Amino acid sequence: MADHDRQLDAIQHTLQRLREEYWRGLEEVETGPAQLHEVLVVRLAGERLGIAPALAREVLRVPPRLVPVPKAAEFIRGIINVRGEILAVTDLRPFLGLEGRDIPATGRLIIVEAAGIHTALLVEEVEGMRSFDRQRIEPLTEGLGNLPREAFSGQISEEGSLLLLLDLEEVFRRPEFIIDRPQQ
Protein backbone atom coordinates (compact mmCIF):
# COMPACT_ATOMS: atom_id res chain seq x y z
CA MET A 1 0.00 0.00 0.00
CA ALA A 2 2.91 2.37 0.75
CA ASP A 3 4.30 1.88 -2.80
CA HIS A 4 0.91 2.73 -4.24
CA ASP A 5 0.75 5.97 -2.17
CA ARG A 6 4.26 6.95 -3.27
CA GLN A 7 3.36 6.34 -6.92
CA LEU A 8 0.22 8.49 -6.54
CA ASP A 9 2.27 11.25 -4.89
CA ALA A 10 4.82 11.10 -7.72
CA ILE A 11 2.08 11.29 -10.35
CA GLN A 12 0.39 14.22 -8.56
CA HIS A 13 3.73 16.00 -8.21
CA THR A 14 4.45 15.51 -11.95
CA LEU A 15 0.98 16.75 -12.90
CA GLN A 16 1.40 19.83 -10.69
CA ARG A 17 4.78 20.60 -12.28
CA LEU A 18 3.27 20.21 -15.78
CA ARG A 19 0.40 22.57 -14.83
CA GLU A 20 2.87 25.18 -13.58
CA GLU A 21 4.95 24.91 -16.76
CA TYR A 22 1.79 25.23 -18.85
CA TRP A 23 0.65 28.41 -17.06
CA ARG A 24 4.16 29.86 -17.16
CA GLY A 25 4.23 29.22 -20.92
CA LEU A 26 0.93 31.06 -21.36
CA GLU A 27 2.26 34.04 -19.40
CA GLU A 28 5.33 34.19 -21.64
CA VAL A 29 3.11 34.24 -24.74
CA GLU A 30 1.04 37.09 -23.31
CA THR A 31 4.04 39.23 -22.33
CA GLY A 32 5.94 38.14 -25.43
CA PRO A 33 9.35 36.53 -25.45
CA ALA A 34 12.38 38.61 -26.31
CA GLN A 35 12.38 39.45 -30.02
CA LEU A 36 15.69 38.23 -31.40
CA HIS A 37 17.48 39.90 -34.26
CA GLU A 38 20.01 37.72 -36.07
CA VAL A 39 22.92 39.12 -38.03
CA LEU A 40 25.92 37.80 -39.87
CA VAL A 41 28.85 39.69 -38.33
CA VAL A 42 31.68 40.67 -40.67
CA ARG A 43 34.68 42.98 -40.54
CA LEU A 44 35.42 45.64 -43.09
CA ALA A 45 38.34 48.08 -42.59
CA GLY A 46 38.29 47.38 -38.87
CA GLU A 47 34.55 48.08 -38.52
CA ARG A 48 32.20 45.36 -37.32
CA LEU A 49 29.13 45.20 -39.54
CA GLY A 50 25.96 43.14 -39.22
CA ILE A 51 24.23 41.86 -42.35
CA ALA A 52 20.73 40.37 -42.44
CA PRO A 53 21.29 36.61 -42.88
CA ALA A 54 18.24 36.36 -45.15
CA LEU A 55 20.22 38.30 -47.77
CA ALA A 56 23.31 36.07 -47.58
CA ARG A 57 23.33 32.90 -49.68
CA GLU A 58 26.80 31.53 -48.94
CA VAL A 59 30.32 32.44 -47.86
CA LEU A 60 33.31 31.63 -50.08
CA ARG A 61 37.07 32.07 -49.96
CA VAL A 62 38.41 34.82 -52.17
CA PRO A 63 39.95 33.23 -55.27
CA PRO A 64 43.64 33.91 -55.96
CA ARG A 65 42.75 36.23 -58.82
CA LEU A 66 39.67 38.28 -59.59
CA VAL A 67 38.97 38.96 -63.25
CA PRO A 68 39.19 42.76 -63.65
CA VAL A 69 36.42 44.73 -65.35
CA PRO A 70 37.66 47.69 -67.40
CA LYS A 71 35.97 51.04 -66.68
CA ALA A 72 33.98 49.61 -63.75
CA ALA A 73 33.18 51.68 -60.69
CA GLU A 74 35.88 51.62 -58.00
CA PHE A 75 33.76 49.43 -55.73
CA ILE A 76 33.67 46.64 -58.36
CA ARG A 77 36.87 44.71 -57.73
CA GLY A 78 36.30 42.22 -60.54
CA ILE A 79 34.12 39.28 -61.44
CA ILE A 80 34.08 35.61 -60.47
CA ASN A 81 32.44 32.47 -61.75
CA VAL A 82 30.40 30.70 -59.07
CA ARG A 83 29.20 27.37 -60.46
CA GLY A 84 28.52 28.86 -63.88
CA GLU A 85 27.08 32.16 -62.65
CA ILE A 86 29.17 35.30 -63.27
CA LEU A 87 29.03 37.66 -60.28
CA ALA A 88 30.58 41.06 -59.67
CA VAL A 89 32.79 41.28 -56.59
CA THR A 90 31.63 44.35 -54.66
CA ASP A 91 33.94 46.08 -52.19
CA LEU A 92 31.87 48.48 -50.06
CA ARG A 93 34.93 50.18 -48.53
CA PRO A 94 35.05 53.01 -51.14
CA PHE A 95 31.29 53.59 -50.90
CA LEU A 96 31.37 53.66 -47.08
CA GLY A 97 34.44 55.90 -47.01
CA LEU A 98 36.59 53.21 -45.38
CA GLU A 99 40.31 52.78 -45.98
CA GLY A 100 42.01 49.80 -47.54
CA ARG A 101 42.24 47.98 -50.84
CA ASP A 102 44.24 44.91 -49.84
CA ILE A 103 42.48 41.60 -49.41
CA PRO A 104 43.80 39.80 -46.31
CA ALA A 105 44.21 36.04 -46.07
CA THR A 106 41.05 35.97 -43.94
CA GLY A 107 39.10 37.71 -46.73
CA ARG A 108 35.80 36.17 -47.76
CA LEU A 109 33.11 36.68 -50.36
CA ILE A 110 29.51 36.66 -49.18
CA ILE A 111 27.08 35.92 -51.98
CA VAL A 112 24.19 38.31 -51.32
CA GLU A 113 21.01 39.34 -53.04
CA ALA A 114 19.39 42.64 -52.11
CA ALA A 115 17.34 45.24 -53.99
CA GLY A 116 17.51 43.07 -57.13
CA ILE A 117 21.32 42.96 -57.13
CA HIS A 118 23.09 39.60 -56.90
CA THR A 119 26.77 40.08 -56.05
CA ALA A 120 29.74 38.70 -54.14
CA LEU A 121 30.37 41.10 -51.27
CA LEU A 122 34.06 41.33 -50.32
CA VAL A 123 34.73 41.39 -46.57
CA GLU A 124 37.95 41.10 -44.62
CA GLU A 125 36.65 38.55 -42.13
CA VAL A 126 33.47 36.69 -41.21
CA GLU A 127 32.98 36.43 -37.43
CA GLY A 128 29.78 34.37 -37.64
CA MET A 129 26.11 34.53 -36.73
CA ARG A 130 24.95 36.43 -33.63
CA SER A 131 21.53 36.92 -32.06
CA PHE A 132 20.56 40.04 -30.16
CA ASP A 133 17.43 41.20 -28.37
CA ARG A 134 15.78 43.73 -30.72
CA GLN A 135 15.50 46.15 -27.81
CA ARG A 136 19.31 46.50 -27.84
CA ILE A 137 19.27 48.07 -31.32
CA GLU A 138 19.93 51.79 -31.00
CA PRO A 139 19.85 54.63 -33.52
CA LEU A 140 23.26 55.52 -34.94
CA THR A 141 25.35 57.76 -32.75
CA GLU A 142 26.80 61.00 -34.00
CA GLY A 143 30.47 61.02 -34.90
CA LEU A 144 30.67 57.95 -37.10
CA GLY A 145 33.14 59.75 -39.31
CA ASN A 146 32.45 59.70 -43.03
CA LEU A 147 30.14 56.70 -42.91
CA PRO A 148 26.92 57.39 -44.83
CA ARG A 149 24.20 57.17 -42.16
CA GLU A 150 21.56 56.01 -44.65
CA ALA A 151 23.57 52.81 -45.23
CA PHE A 152 22.86 51.63 -41.66
CA SER A 153 19.65 50.72 -39.88
CA GLY A 154 21.10 51.03 -36.37
CA GLN A 155 23.82 49.89 -34.02
CA ILE A 156 24.33 47.52 -31.12
CA SER A 157 26.78 48.38 -28.34
CA GLU A 158 28.61 45.44 -26.89
CA GLU A 159 31.75 44.98 -24.83
CA GLY A 160 33.18 48.39 -25.65
CA SER A 161 32.64 48.14 -29.40
CA LEU A 162 29.91 48.94 -31.87
CA LEU A 163 28.23 46.59 -34.29
CA LEU A 164 26.82 48.66 -37.16
CA LEU A 165 23.78 47.12 -38.86
CA LEU A 166 24.32 47.45 -42.60
CA ASP A 167 21.13 47.93 -44.62
CA LEU A 168 22.10 46.26 -47.92
CA GLU A 169 18.65 46.84 -49.41
CA GLU A 170 19.11 50.60 -48.93
CA VAL A 171 22.75 50.56 -50.08
CA PHE A 172 21.99 48.72 -53.33
CA ARG A 173 19.11 51.10 -54.15
CA ARG A 174 21.57 53.99 -54.30
CA PRO A 175 22.25 55.45 -57.77
CA GLU A 176 25.90 54.35 -57.62
CA PHE A 177 24.78 50.71 -57.78
CA ILE A 178 22.23 51.08 -60.56
CA ILE A 179 23.61 50.23 -63.98
CA ASP A 180 21.76 51.78 -66.88
CA ARG A 181 21.80 49.70 -70.02
CA PRO A 182 22.25 51.64 -73.24
CA GLN A 183 19.18 51.82 -75.45
CA GLN A 184 19.40 49.77 -78.63
C-alpha atoms as a PDB file:
ATOM      1  CA  MET A   1       0.000   0.000   0.000  1.00  0.00           C
ATOM      2  CA  ALA A   2       2.910   2.373   0.748  1.00  0.00           C
ATOM      3  CA  ASP A   3       4.297   1.876  -2.801  1.00  0.00           C
ATOM      4  CA  HIS A   4       0.911   2.732  -4.241  1.00  0.00           C
ATOM      5  CA  ASP A   5       0.746   5.973  -2.175  1.00  0.00           C
ATOM      6  CA  ARG A   6       4.265   6.946  -3.271  1.00  0.00           C
ATOM      7  CA  GLN A   7       3.358   6.336  -6.915  1.00  0.00           C
ATOM      8  CA  LEU A   8       0.218   8.486  -6.542  1.00  0.00           C
ATOM      9  CA  ASP A   9       2.269  11.245  -4.888  1.00  0.00           C
ATOM     10  CA  ALA A  10       4.824  11.099  -7.716  1.00  0.00           C
ATOM     11  CA  ILE A  11       2.081  11.294 -10.352  1.00  0.00           C
ATOM     12  CA  GLN A  12       0.394  14.219  -8.564  1.00  0.00           C
ATOM     13  CA  HIS A  13       3.733  15.997  -8.213  1.00  0.00           C
ATOM     14  CA  THR A  14       4.453  15.509 -11.946  1.00  0.00           C
ATOM     15  CA  LEU A  15       0.984  16.746 -12.899  1.00  0.00           C
ATOM     16  CA  GLN A  16       1.396  19.825 -10.686  1.00  0.00           C
ATOM     17  CA  ARG A  17       4.779  20.595 -12.281  1.00  0.00           C
ATOM     18  CA  LEU A  18       3.275  20.215 -15.781  1.00  0.00           C
ATOM     19  CA  ARG A  19       0.398  22.565 -14.829  1.00  0.00           C
ATOM     20  CA  GLU A  20       2.874  25.178 -13.580  1.00  0.00           C
ATOM     21  CA  GLU A  21       4.952  24.914 -16.764  1.00  0.00           C
ATOM     22  CA  TYR A  22       1.786  25.232 -18.853  1.00  0.00           C
ATOM     23  CA  TRP A  23       0.654  28.409 -17.063  1.00  0.00           C
ATOM     24  CA  ARG A  24       4.164  29.861 -17.159  1.00  0.00           C
ATOM     25  CA  GLY A  25       4.233  29.215 -20.919  1.00  0.00           C
ATOM     26  CA  LEU A  26       0.931  31.056 -21.356  1.00  0.00           C
ATOM     27  CA  GLU A  27       2.259  34.037 -19.396  1.00  0.00           C
ATOM     28  CA  GLU A  28       5.331  34.187 -21.643  1.00  0.00           C
ATOM     29  CA  VAL A  29       3.113  34.238 -24.742  1.00  0.00           C
ATOM     30  CA  GLU A  30       1.042  37.093 -23.309  1.00  0.00           C
ATOM     31  CA  THR A  31       4.038  39.227 -22.328  1.00  0.00           C
ATOM     32  CA  GLY A  32       5.945  38.143 -25.430  1.00  0.00           C
ATOM     33  CA  PRO A  33       9.350  36.525 -25.447  1.00  0.00           C
ATOM     34  CA  ALA A  34      12.379  38.613 -26.313  1.00  0.00           C
ATOM     35  CA  GLN A  35      12.378  39.451 -30.017  1.00  0.00           C
ATOM     36  CA  LEU A  36      15.685  38.225 -31.395  1.00  0.00           C
ATOM     37  CA  HIS A  37      17.484  39.899 -34.261  1.00  0.00           C
ATOM     38  CA  GLU A  38      20.009  37.718 -36.068  1.00  0.00           C
ATOM     39  CA  VAL A  39      22.915  39.123 -38.031  1.00  0.00           C
ATOM     40  CA  LEU A  40      25.918  37.799 -39.874  1.00  0.00           C
ATOM     41  CA  VAL A  41      28.847  39.688 -38.328  1.00  0.00           C
ATOM     42  CA  VAL A  42      31.676  40.672 -40.671  1.00  0.00           C
ATOM     43  CA  ARG A  43      34.685  42.983 -40.536  1.00  0.00           C
ATOM     44  CA  LEU A  44      35.416  45.640 -43.086  1.00  0.00           C
ATOM     45  CA  ALA A  45      38.338  48.084 -42.589  1.00  0.00           C
ATOM     46  CA  GLY A  46      38.289  47.377 -38.867  1.00  0.00           C
ATOM     47  CA  GLU A  47      34.552  48.078 -38.521  1.00  0.00           C
ATOM     48  CA  ARG A  48      32.195  45.361 -37.322  1.00  0.00           C
ATOM     49  CA  LEU A  49      29.128  45.201 -39.541  1.00  0.00           C
ATOM     50  CA  GLY A  50      25.962  43.142 -39.222  1.00  0.00           C
ATOM     51  CA  ILE A  51      24.231  41.855 -42.354  1.00  0.00           C
ATOM     52  CA  ALA A  52      20.734  40.365 -42.440  1.00  0.00           C
ATOM     53  CA  PRO A  53      21.289  36.612 -42.880  1.00  0.00           C
ATOM     54  CA  ALA A  54      18.242  36.358 -45.153  1.00  0.00           C
ATOM     55  CA  LEU A  55      20.220  38.304 -47.771  1.00  0.00           C
ATOM     56  CA  ALA A  56      23.314  36.068 -47.579  1.00  0.00           C
ATOM     57  CA  ARG A  57      23.334  32.900 -49.680  1.00  0.00           C
ATOM     58  CA  GLU A  58      26.802  31.535 -48.939  1.00  0.00           C
ATOM     59  CA  VAL A  59      30.324  32.435 -47.861  1.00  0.00           C
ATOM     60  CA  LEU A  60      33.314  31.626 -50.078  1.00  0.00           C
ATOM     61  CA  ARG A  61      37.068  32.073 -49.956  1.00  0.00           C
ATOM     62  CA  VAL A  62      38.406  34.815 -52.170  1.00  0.00           C
ATOM     63  CA  PRO A  63      39.945  33.225 -55.274  1.00  0.00           C
ATOM     64  CA  PRO A  64      43.637  33.907 -55.955  1.00  0.00           C
ATOM     65  CA  ARG A  65      42.748  36.228 -58.820  1.00  0.00           C
ATOM     66  CA  LEU A  66      39.667  38.281 -59.585  1.00  0.00           C
ATOM     67  CA  VAL A  67      38.965  38.963 -63.250  1.00  0.00           C
ATOM     68  CA  PRO A  68      39.188  42.761 -63.652  1.00  0.00           C
ATOM     69  CA  VAL A  69      36.416  44.727 -65.351  1.00  0.00           C
ATOM     70  CA  PRO A  70      37.656  47.690 -67.404  1.00  0.00           C
ATOM     71  CA  LYS A  71      35.972  51.043 -66.680  1.00  0.00           C
ATOM     72  CA  ALA A  72      33.981  49.609 -63.748  1.00  0.00           C
ATOM     73  CA  ALA A  73      33.177  51.684 -60.686  1.00  0.00           C
ATOM     74  CA  GLU A  74      35.879  51.619 -58.002  1.00  0.00           C
ATOM     75  CA  PHE A  75      33.763  49.431 -55.726  1.00  0.00           C
ATOM     76  CA  ILE A  76      33.666  46.641 -58.363  1.00  0.00           C
ATOM     77  CA  ARG A  77      36.865  44.710 -57.728  1.00  0.00           C
ATOM     78  CA  GLY A  78      36.301  42.222 -60.544  1.00  0.00           C
ATOM     79  CA  ILE A  79      34.117  39.277 -61.443  1.00  0.00           C
ATOM     80  CA  ILE A  80      34.083  35.614 -60.474  1.00  0.00           C
ATOM     81  CA  ASN A  81      32.436  32.468 -61.748  1.00  0.00           C
ATOM     82  CA  VAL A  82      30.401  30.696 -59.069  1.00  0.00           C
ATOM     83  CA  ARG A  83      29.202  27.366 -60.460  1.00  0.00           C
ATOM     84  CA  GLY A  84      28.520  28.855 -63.883  1.00  0.00           C
ATOM     85  CA  GLU A  85      27.079  32.164 -62.651  1.00  0.00           C
ATOM     86  CA  ILE A  86      29.166  35.297 -63.268  1.00  0.00           C
ATOM     87  CA  LEU A  87      29.033  37.661 -60.276  1.00  0.00           C
ATOM     88  CA  ALA A  88      30.576  41.061 -59.667  1.00  0.00           C
ATOM     89  CA  VAL A  89      32.790  41.279 -56.585  1.00  0.00           C
ATOM     90  CA  THR A  90      31.633  44.346 -54.662  1.00  0.00           C
ATOM     91  CA  ASP A  91      33.945  46.078 -52.187  1.00  0.00           C
ATOM     92  CA  LEU A  92      31.872  48.476 -50.058  1.00  0.00           C
ATOM     93  CA  ARG A  93      34.925  50.185 -48.535  1.00  0.00           C
ATOM     94  CA  PRO A  94      35.050  53.008 -51.137  1.00  0.00           C
ATOM     95  CA  PHE A  95      31.286  53.587 -50.896  1.00  0.00           C
ATOM     96  CA  LEU A  96      31.375  53.657 -47.080  1.00  0.00           C
ATOM     97  CA  GLY A  97      34.440  55.898 -47.008  1.00  0.00           C
ATOM     98  CA  LEU A  98      36.591  53.213 -45.377  1.00  0.00           C
ATOM     99  CA  GLU A  99      40.312  52.778 -45.977  1.00  0.00           C
ATOM    100  CA  GLY A 100      42.008  49.798 -47.544  1.00  0.00           C
ATOM    101  CA  ARG A 101      42.245  47.977 -50.840  1.00  0.00           C
ATOM    102  CA  ASP A 102      44.236  44.911 -49.836  1.00  0.00           C
ATOM    103  CA  ILE A 103      42.481  41.596 -49.413  1.00  0.00           C
ATOM    104  CA  PRO A 104      43.797  39.799 -46.307  1.00  0.00           C
ATOM    105  CA  ALA A 105      44.207  36.037 -46.069  1.00  0.00           C
ATOM    106  CA  THR A 106      41.049  35.970 -43.936  1.00  0.00           C
ATOM    107  CA  GLY A 107      39.100  37.712 -46.726  1.00  0.00           C
ATOM    108  CA  ARG A 108      35.804  36.173 -47.758  1.00  0.00           C
ATOM    109  CA  LEU A 109      33.108  36.676 -50.359  1.00  0.00           C
ATOM    110  CA  ILE A 110      29.509  36.664 -49.184  1.00  0.00           C
ATOM    111  CA  ILE A 111      27.076  35.920 -51.977  1.00  0.00           C
ATOM    112  CA  VAL A 112      24.187  38.309 -51.325  1.00  0.00           C
ATOM    113  CA  GLU A 113      21.006  39.339 -53.035  1.00  0.00           C
ATOM    114  CA  ALA A 114      19.387  42.642 -52.111  1.00  0.00           C
ATOM    115  CA  ALA A 115      17.337  45.238 -53.994  1.00  0.00           C
ATOM    116  CA  GLY A 116      17.509  43.073 -57.128  1.00  0.00           C
ATOM    117  CA  ILE A 117      21.316  42.958 -57.131  1.00  0.00           C
ATOM    118  CA  HIS A 118      23.086  39.595 -56.898  1.00  0.00           C
ATOM    119  CA  THR A 119      26.769  40.078 -56.049  1.00  0.00           C
ATOM    120  CA  ALA A 120      29.737  38.695 -54.143  1.00  0.00           C
ATOM    121  CA  LEU A 121      30.371  41.095 -51.269  1.00  0.00           C
ATOM    122  CA  LEU A 122      34.059  41.328 -50.324  1.00  0.00           C
ATOM    123  CA  VAL A 123      34.729  41.395 -46.570  1.00  0.00           C
ATOM    124  CA  GLU A 124      37.949  41.097 -44.617  1.00  0.00           C
ATOM    125  CA  GLU A 125      36.647  38.545 -42.135  1.00  0.00           C
ATOM    126  CA  VAL A 126      33.466  36.694 -41.206  1.00  0.00           C
ATOM    127  CA  GLU A 127      32.982  36.428 -37.434  1.00  0.00           C
ATOM    128  CA  GLY A 128      29.778  34.374 -37.641  1.00  0.00           C
ATOM    129  CA  MET A 129      26.114  34.534 -36.726  1.00  0.00           C
ATOM    130  CA  ARG A 130      24.953  36.433 -33.633  1.00  0.00           C
ATOM    131  CA  SER A 131      21.528  36.923 -32.060  1.00  0.00           C
ATOM    132  CA  PHE A 132      20.557  40.043 -30.163  1.00  0.00           C
ATOM    133  CA  ASP A 133      17.434  41.197 -28.372  1.00  0.00           C
ATOM    134  CA  ARG A 134      15.778  43.728 -30.723  1.00  0.00           C
ATOM    135  CA  GLN A 135      15.498  46.148 -27.812  1.00  0.00           C
ATOM    136  CA  ARG A 136      19.309  46.502 -27.840  1.00  0.00           C
ATOM    137  CA  ILE A 137      19.267  48.067 -31.319  1.00  0.00           C
ATOM    138  CA  GLU A 138      19.929  51.786 -31.003  1.00  0.00           C
ATOM    139  CA  PRO A 139      19.847  54.630 -33.519  1.00  0.00           C
ATOM    140  CA  LEU A 140      23.258  55.520 -34.945  1.00  0.00           C
ATOM    141  CA  THR A 141      25.348  57.760 -32.751  1.00  0.00           C
ATOM    142  CA  GLU A 142      26.804  61.003 -33.999  1.00  0.00           C
ATOM    143  CA  GLY A 143      30.469  61.020 -34.898  1.00  0.00           C
ATOM    144  CA  LEU A 144      30.672  57.949 -37.101  1.00  0.00           C
ATOM    145  CA  GLY A 145      33.136  59.751 -39.313  1.00  0.00           C
ATOM    146  CA  ASN A 146      32.445  59.704 -43.033  1.00  0.00           C
ATOM    147  CA  LEU A 147      30.136  56.705 -42.914  1.00  0.00           C
ATOM    148  CA  PRO A 148      26.916  57.391 -44.826  1.00  0.00           C
ATOM    149  CA  ARG A 149      24.202  57.166 -42.160  1.00  0.00           C
ATOM    150  CA  GLU A 150      21.561  56.007 -44.653  1.00  0.00           C
ATOM    151  CA  ALA A 151      23.569  52.813 -45.228  1.00  0.00           C
ATOM    152  CA  PHE A 152      22.863  51.634 -41.659  1.00  0.00           C
ATOM    153  CA  SER A 153      19.652  50.722 -39.875  1.00  0.00           C
ATOM    154  CA  GLY A 154      21.102  51.026 -36.366  1.00  0.00           C
ATOM    155  CA  GLN A 155      23.824  49.893 -34.019  1.00  0.00           C
ATOM    156  CA  ILE A 156      24.330  47.524 -31.117  1.00  0.00           C
ATOM    157  CA  SER A 157      26.777  48.382 -28.341  1.00  0.00           C
ATOM    158  CA  GLU A 158      28.614  45.440 -26.888  1.00  0.00           C
ATOM    159  CA  GLU A 159      31.748  44.978 -24.828  1.00  0.00           C
ATOM    160  CA  GLY A 160      33.183  48.394 -25.648  1.00  0.00           C
ATOM    161  CA  SER A 161      32.644  48.142 -29.398  1.00  0.00           C
ATOM    162  CA  LEU A 162      29.914  48.937 -31.874  1.00  0.00           C
ATOM    163  CA  LEU A 163      28.230  46.592 -34.291  1.00  0.00           C
ATOM    164  CA  LEU A 164      26.820  48.655 -37.156  1.00  0.00           C
ATOM    165  CA  LEU A 165      23.780  47.124 -38.863  1.00  0.00           C
ATOM    166  CA  LEU A 166      24.323  47.449 -42.600  1.00  0.00           C
ATOM    167  CA  ASP A 167      21.126  47.932 -44.623  1.00  0.00           C
ATOM    168  CA  LEU A 168      22.097  46.263 -47.915  1.00  0.00           C
ATOM    169  CA  GLU A 169      18.647  46.845 -49.411  1.00  0.00           C
ATOM    170  CA  GLU A 170      19.106  50.600 -48.929  1.00  0.00           C
ATOM    171  CA  VAL A 171      22.745  50.557 -50.075  1.00  0.00           C
ATOM    172  CA  PHE A 172      21.987  48.716 -53.330  1.00  0.00           C
ATOM    173  CA  ARG A 173      19.111  51.101 -54.146  1.00  0.00           C
ATOM    174  CA  ARG A 174      21.573  53.995 -54.299  1.00  0.00           C
ATOM    175  CA  PRO A 175      22.247  55.447 -57.767  1.00  0.00           C
ATOM    176  CA  GLU A 176      25.897  54.347 -57.617  1.00  0.00           C
ATOM    177  CA  PHE A 177      24.782  50.707 -57.782  1.00  0.00           C
ATOM    178  CA  ILE A 178      22.226  51.075 -60.556  1.00  0.00           C
ATOM    179  CA  ILE A 179      23.611  50.233 -63.977  1.00  0.00           C
ATOM    180  CA  ASP A 180      21.764  51.779 -66.883  1.00  0.00           C
ATOM    181  CA  ARG A 181      21.797  49.701 -70.024  1.00  0.00           C
ATOM    182  CA  PRO A 182      22.248  51.639 -73.242  1.00  0.00           C
ATOM    183  CA  GLN A 183      19.181  51.818 -75.446  1.00  0.00           C
ATOM    184  CA  GLN A 184      19.399  49.769 -78.633  1.00  0.00           C
END
